[in-house]
Amino acid sequence: VLQVLERMSSETTQSGAQSIGLLAGKLEDIGQDASKLRVAALVVPHQRGSKDNCEMLDEMNILGLQEAKGLFILGWLVVNVAGSKEPSPTELRSHAGFQTMMPECVVGIVDPNEPKQCKFFRLTE
């Protein structure tokens, strides 16, 4: 997933702007009346970014994709061109909305200088 995001966001990252990708998945039955959430896809939405934020565009297209494929948004990744490995106040506010809709939701911060590493956060445990 990180390699796909790195490849898809390389031009944006080189221009000094942040990029985001949504972690989409499904509820998977693992037997004995148990289930787990599994990431099945990385959705890279149309977006507009700057050095300290990124905005998704055409969010209705994402909802249509979710419905068509039976996917949930399980989290999101942000390529932080500033190199910080901690979420910014803006990212925390954005994530609050995601986690309000789905408590298991995570945000992953990716440093473009270390694209194979990602640090995940949740607002609550």
Foldseek 3Di string as FASTA:
>chain_A
DLVVVCVVCVVVLVVQWKFKKFFKWAWADPDPPDIDTDGDDIHGADWDTHQQDIDGPPVVVVVVVCVVVVIDGQEMEMARSVQDQDDDPVRVVVVVVVCVVPVNHWYWYAHSVHSVDIDIDHPDD
